[in-house]
Protein backbone atom coordinates (compact mmCIF):
# COMPACT_ATOMS: atom_id res chain seq x y z
CA MET A 1 36.89 170.44 216.41
CA SER A 2 38.12 169.56 213.75
CA ALA A 3 41.76 171.00 211.90
CA ALA A 4 39.71 171.67 208.85
CA ALA A 5 37.39 174.06 211.33
CA LEU A 6 40.53 175.88 212.51
CA LEU A 7 41.86 176.16 209.06
CA ASN A 8 38.81 178.05 207.64
CA GLY A 9 38.59 179.89 210.67
CA ALA A 10 42.13 181.27 210.40
CA LEU A 11 41.04 182.22 207.08
CA LEU A 12 38.21 183.77 207.14
CA GLY A 13 39.52 186.01 210.12
CA GLY A 14 41.61 187.33 206.52
CA LEU A 15 38.21 188.78 205.97
CA TYR A 16 37.98 190.26 209.44
CA ALA A 17 41.37 192.06 209.07
CA LEU A 18 40.26 193.42 205.41
CA VAL A 19 36.99 194.81 207.12
CA ALA A 20 38.92 196.27 209.65
CA LEU A 21 41.76 197.93 207.54
CA GLY A 22 40.45 200.98 206.14
CA LEU A 23 39.67 202.13 210.71
CA SER A 24 43.33 201.30 211.59
CA LEU A 25 44.52 203.34 208.75
CA VAL A 26 41.87 206.80 209.37
CA PHE A 27 42.56 206.40 212.43
CA GLY A 28 46.79 206.10 212.41
CA ILE A 29 46.92 208.74 209.87
CA MET A 30 44.23 211.26 210.95
CA ARG A 31 43.56 210.45 214.56
CA VAL A 32 39.80 210.07 213.51
CA VAL A 33 38.00 207.61 214.96
CA ASN A 34 35.52 207.08 211.62
CA LEU A 35 32.07 205.46 213.13
CA ALA A 36 30.61 205.21 209.63
CA HIS A 37 33.31 202.41 208.72
CA GLY A 38 30.48 199.92 208.97
CA ILE A 39 28.72 201.68 206.39
CA LEU A 40 31.27 201.67 203.60
CA VAL A 41 31.71 197.90 204.04
CA LEU A 42 27.65 197.96 203.45
CA ALA A 43 28.11 200.01 200.60
CA GLY A 44 30.83 198.25 198.84
CA ALA A 45 28.31 195.32 198.72
CA TYR A 46 24.74 197.00 197.90
CA LEU A 47 27.03 198.83 195.41
CA ALA A 48 28.24 195.48 193.77
CA ILE A 49 24.65 193.85 194.38
CA MET A 50 23.28 196.81 192.07
CA ILE A 51 25.95 196.05 189.50
CA THR A 52 25.58 192.29 189.43
CA ARG A 53 21.88 192.77 189.18
CA SER A 54 22.60 194.87 186.02
CA VAL A 55 25.30 192.64 184.46
CA PRO A 56 26.51 189.46 184.97
CA VAL A 57 30.06 189.93 186.21
CA ASP A 58 31.37 188.16 188.65
CA PRO A 59 31.09 190.62 192.58
CA LEU A 60 35.26 190.86 192.39
CA LEU A 61 35.08 192.71 188.78
CA ALA A 62 32.08 194.90 190.43
CA PHE A 63 34.68 196.55 192.39
CA LEU A 64 36.67 197.91 189.34
CA GLY A 65 33.36 200.21 189.18
CA VAL A 66 32.72 200.30 193.26
CA GLY A 67 35.94 201.22 194.65
CA PRO A 68 36.93 204.42 192.70
CA ALA A 69 33.24 205.35 193.45
CA VAL A 70 33.40 205.14 196.92
CA PHE A 71 36.92 206.77 196.85
CA VAL A 72 35.46 209.50 195.12
CA VAL A 73 32.61 210.13 197.56
CA ALA A 74 34.52 209.62 200.88
CA ALA A 75 37.29 212.21 199.60
CA LEU A 76 35.02 214.56 198.69
CA THR A 77 33.57 214.20 202.32
CA GLN A 78 36.71 213.97 204.27
CA ARG A 79 37.69 217.28 202.41
CA LEU A 80 34.30 219.54 202.42
CA LEU A 81 33.16 218.33 205.55
CA LEU A 82 35.51 216.49 207.97
CA GLN A 83 38.00 218.20 207.69
CA ARG A 84 35.93 222.01 208.35
CA LEU A 85 34.89 219.52 211.33
CA LEU A 86 38.69 218.62 212.48
CA ASP A 87 40.18 222.05 212.27
CA HIS A 88 37.51 223.23 215.21
CA SER A 89 37.44 219.72 217.52
CA LEU A 90 38.85 216.21 217.46
CA GLU A 91 35.02 215.32 218.72
CA ALA A 92 32.85 217.53 216.03
CA PRO A 93 34.49 214.35 213.18
CA LEU A 94 33.26 211.79 215.57
CA VAL A 95 29.68 212.96 215.71
CA ALA A 96 29.55 213.42 212.19
CA THR A 97 30.47 209.93 210.96
CA PHE A 98 28.16 208.74 213.65
CA GLY A 99 25.71 210.65 211.78
CA LEU A 100 26.69 209.36 208.55
CA LEU A 101 26.25 205.97 210.00
CA LEU A 102 22.69 206.67 210.86
CA ILE A 103 21.80 208.17 207.52
CA GLY A 104 23.87 205.55 205.60
CA GLN A 105 21.18 202.64 207.59
CA GLY A 106 18.45 204.93 205.95
CA PHE A 107 19.54 205.63 202.87
CA PHE A 108 19.72 201.95 202.38
CA THR A 109 16.55 200.53 204.17
CA PHE A 110 14.86 203.12 201.66
CA GLY A 111 16.81 201.62 198.66
CA PHE A 112 17.20 198.12 199.29
CA GLY A 113 14.57 197.28 202.36
CA THR A 114 15.24 195.74 204.56
CA GLY A 115 15.55 191.84 204.55
CA PRO A 116 19.02 190.50 203.78
CA LEU A 117 20.87 190.31 200.29
CA SER A 118 23.76 188.99 198.73
CA LEU A 119 26.55 188.45 196.10
CA SER A 120 26.28 185.29 194.16
CA ALA A 121 29.93 184.09 193.14
CA PRO A 122 31.24 180.49 192.08
CA TRP A 123 33.86 181.23 194.52
CA GLY A 124 31.47 181.94 197.53
CA ARG A 125 29.97 178.51 197.19
CA SER A 126 32.57 176.17 196.76
CA GLY A 127 35.13 173.95 198.42
CA LEU A 128 39.03 174.06 197.90
CA THR A 129 40.63 170.66 199.71
CA VAL A 130 44.40 171.09 200.95
CA ALA A 131 46.56 168.41 202.16
CA GLY A 132 43.30 166.61 202.93
CA LEU A 133 41.18 169.10 204.89
CA THR A 134 38.42 171.24 202.47
CA VAL A 135 37.95 174.85 202.83
CA GLN A 136 35.35 177.26 201.75
CA MET A 137 36.83 179.05 198.69
CA VAL A 138 35.21 182.30 199.61
CA ASN A 139 37.34 182.30 202.78
CA VAL A 140 40.81 181.37 200.99
CA VAL A 141 39.93 184.25 198.17
CA ALA A 142 39.47 186.45 201.45
CA PHE A 143 42.66 185.81 203.02
CA ALA A 144 44.58 185.90 199.51
CA LEU A 145 42.90 189.76 199.17
CA ALA A 146 43.96 190.59 202.71
CA VAL A 147 47.13 189.55 202.39
CA VAL A 148 47.93 191.28 199.08
CA VAL A 149 46.07 194.14 200.34
CA ILE A 150 47.62 195.09 203.49
CA VAL A 151 51.15 193.90 202.17
CA ALA A 152 50.61 196.54 199.52
CA VAL A 153 49.99 199.06 201.95
CA GLN A 154 52.45 198.68 204.30
CA LEU A 155 55.09 198.87 201.62
CA LEU A 156 53.35 202.22 199.99
CA LEU A 157 53.92 203.53 203.32
CA THR A 158 57.35 202.77 204.69
CA ARG A 159 58.95 202.38 200.37
CA THR A 160 57.63 205.39 198.74
CA ARG A 161 57.47 209.09 198.85
CA LEU A 162 53.65 209.40 198.97
CA GLY A 163 53.92 207.18 202.20
CA THR A 164 56.80 209.23 203.83
CA ALA A 165 54.09 212.12 203.45
CA LEU A 166 51.13 210.80 204.85
CA ARG A 167 53.62 209.07 208.01
CA ALA A 168 54.55 212.55 208.35
CA ALA A 169 51.29 214.36 208.40
CA SER A 170 50.61 211.37 211.23
CA THR A 171 53.51 211.90 213.26
CA ASP A 172 53.39 216.18 213.06
CA PRO A 173 51.25 217.77 210.90
CA ALA A 174 52.49 221.53 211.93
CA THR A 175 55.85 220.06 210.61
CA ALA A 176 55.02 218.71 207.69
CA SER A 177 52.88 221.77 207.00
CA THR A 178 55.72 223.60 206.86
CA LEU A 179 57.69 221.23 204.91
CA GLY A 180 54.93 221.87 202.28
CA ILE A 181 52.84 218.55 202.53
CA ASN A 182 49.85 218.98 202.09
CA ILE A 183 47.82 217.92 204.82
CA GLY A 184 44.08 218.17 203.93
CA LEU A 185 45.14 216.60 200.62
CA MET A 186 46.91 213.65 202.75
CA HIS A 187 43.75 213.16 204.58
CA ALA A 188 41.60 213.36 201.58
CA LEU A 189 43.54 210.13 200.07
CA THR A 190 44.02 207.76 203.48
CA PHE A 191 39.72 208.56 203.93
CA GLY A 192 39.23 207.78 200.42
CA ALA A 193 41.64 204.51 200.14
CA ALA A 194 40.38 203.65 203.85
CA ALA A 195 36.56 203.79 202.02
CA ALA A 196 37.90 201.88 198.77
CA ILE A 197 39.46 199.18 201.27
CA ALA A 198 35.89 198.89 203.02
CA ALA A 199 34.17 198.21 200.16
CA LEU A 200 36.52 195.92 198.59
CA ALA A 201 36.24 194.29 202.28
CA GLY A 202 32.14 194.29 201.54
CA ILE A 203 32.21 192.76 198.54
CA VAL A 204 33.99 189.90 199.73
CA TYR A 205 31.78 189.99 202.94
CA GLY A 206 28.34 190.14 201.13
CA THR A 207 29.41 186.84 199.11
CA ALA A 208 30.94 184.90 202.00
CA PHE A 209 27.38 185.95 204.18
CA SER A 210 24.68 188.40 203.64
CA VAL A 211 24.07 191.99 204.31
CA ASP A 212 20.80 194.19 205.54
CA PRO A 213 21.02 197.98 206.26
CA ASN A 214 21.13 197.28 209.90
CA ALA A 215 24.89 195.40 209.94
CA GLY A 216 26.55 198.82 210.00
CA LEU A 217 27.28 198.88 213.72
CA PRO A 218 28.18 195.21 213.61
CA LEU A 219 30.68 195.91 211.14
CA LEU A 220 31.98 198.92 213.03
CA VAL A 221 32.50 196.23 215.88
CA LEU A 222 34.43 193.80 214.19
CA GLY A 223 36.16 196.18 212.86
CA PHE A 224 37.28 197.20 216.22
CA THR A 225 38.26 194.38 217.89
CA VAL A 226 40.59 193.57 215.27
CA VAL A 227 42.13 196.44 214.86
CA VAL A 228 42.30 196.81 219.37
CA MET A 229 43.81 192.99 218.76
CA GLY A 230 46.13 193.52 216.29
CA GLY A 231 47.37 197.20 217.37
CA VAL A 232 45.89 200.54 216.63
CA GLY A 233 46.86 202.00 213.73
CA SER A 234 49.21 199.10 212.47
CA VAL A 235 48.96 197.74 208.99
CA LEU A 236 50.07 194.73 209.68
CA GLY A 237 48.97 194.28 212.68
CA THR A 238 45.59 194.10 211.97
CA LEU A 239 46.12 190.84 209.48
CA ALA A 240 47.35 189.15 213.06
CA GLY A 241 43.93 190.67 215.11
CA GLY A 242 41.59 189.35 211.91
CA VAL A 243 43.39 186.00 212.45
CA LEU A 244 43.14 185.27 216.21
CA VAL A 245 39.28 186.92 216.02
CA GLY A 246 38.55 184.01 213.15
CA VAL A 247 40.20 180.96 214.87
CA VAL A 248 38.93 182.00 218.29
CA SER A 249 35.64 182.68 217.01
CA THR A 250 35.15 179.60 215.17
CA ALA A 251 36.86 177.19 217.63
CA VAL A 252 34.10 178.09 220.11
CA GLY A 253 31.52 177.86 217.96
CA ALA A 254 32.44 174.60 217.22
CA LEU A 255 32.94 173.44 220.87
CA ALA A 256 30.03 175.39 223.06
CA ALA A 257 27.61 176.56 220.30
CA PRO A 258 28.20 180.21 217.73
CA VAL A 259 26.37 182.27 220.06
CA TYR A 260 28.94 182.08 222.37
CA SER A 261 31.79 183.17 219.61
CA SER A 262 31.15 186.71 220.30
CA ILE A 263 31.14 186.45 223.56
CA ALA A 264 34.82 184.53 223.54
CA VAL A 265 36.25 187.32 221.36
CA ASN A 266 35.21 190.48 223.72
CA VAL A 267 36.43 188.55 226.85
CA LEU A 268 39.74 187.65 225.06
CA LEU A 269 39.78 191.20 224.00
CA LEU A 270 39.63 192.46 226.92
CA VAL A 271 42.19 190.18 228.47
CA LEU A 272 44.51 191.15 225.89
CA LEU A 273 44.42 194.99 226.73
CA LEU A 274 45.09 193.65 230.31
CA VAL A 275 48.42 192.00 229.19
CA ARG A 276 49.61 193.32 225.92
CA PRO A 277 47.57 196.96 225.74
CA ARG A 278 49.34 197.79 222.60
CA GLY A 279 47.65 194.27 220.70
CA LEU A 280 49.64 191.92 219.12
CA SER A 281 51.85 193.45 216.89
CA ILE A 282 54.27 195.41 215.14
CA PRO A 283 54.99 198.90 216.31
CA ARG A 284 51.92 201.23 215.46
CA LEU A 285 51.92 203.65 212.35
CA ARG A 286 51.73 206.39 215.03
CA ARG A 287 55.02 205.60 217.16
CA LYS A 288 57.18 204.71 213.69
CA ALA A 289 60.09 206.98 213.23
CA LEU A 290 60.30 208.86 209.54
CA PRO A 291 63.33 207.46 207.89
């Protein structure tokens, strides 16, 4: 196992963190486990495929159209469906998002077929040499995007009035509502932003690998693993969890065989839960006191 392989694994962890970030945000603020998260990642990839087939642009530029579209659809879904279900029970949105997962899987199968598809970009195929170590450019792009997005979200949550309102809606919705904070709006913004981040992750994922309609569930499991390792609801912890998953899976794949990578990650997850149930972080969002 080479140092270059470990570096590639750590950088790949940025992509894993980007996949998981929206899942962590939704649970941290809304207390909802979004089982449709994997489909939102696929939506980003498939919409970018549609755009790049029509217009020869870089997949990341396609996000200028994909991101707002996914944000609007997700925010409306939250307001018109999930919020009404959330008013009745915490279990109803869980079942509804699983239904959305199945609907999305069927929709993408009908529209794109069952075969794998991928996005093409110069940075998806090239390499980069850093201090004598060759890494894949797509991993560098993924890690850079993850750092930028995670830091931006963290600053928004901790340094802005909107972030204060979001954390208030997370910590004590009843009190926040009496103070004039529109809880429904905060939840819609959270769900929409999480979906847009998932769509961005899908574009990078579809460039690094390939996607098919059945990939929603594996992506959801990947996101859960990263979130739990980093600390549920922790924004910065998501990056730590992603890097850990990337390094461990790459190391085990190089030392043994790729088929054992997922097994090793799951074993590590169980050990981490026993030793440090709150994950690697950095206090979780839902435990953070308001300023």
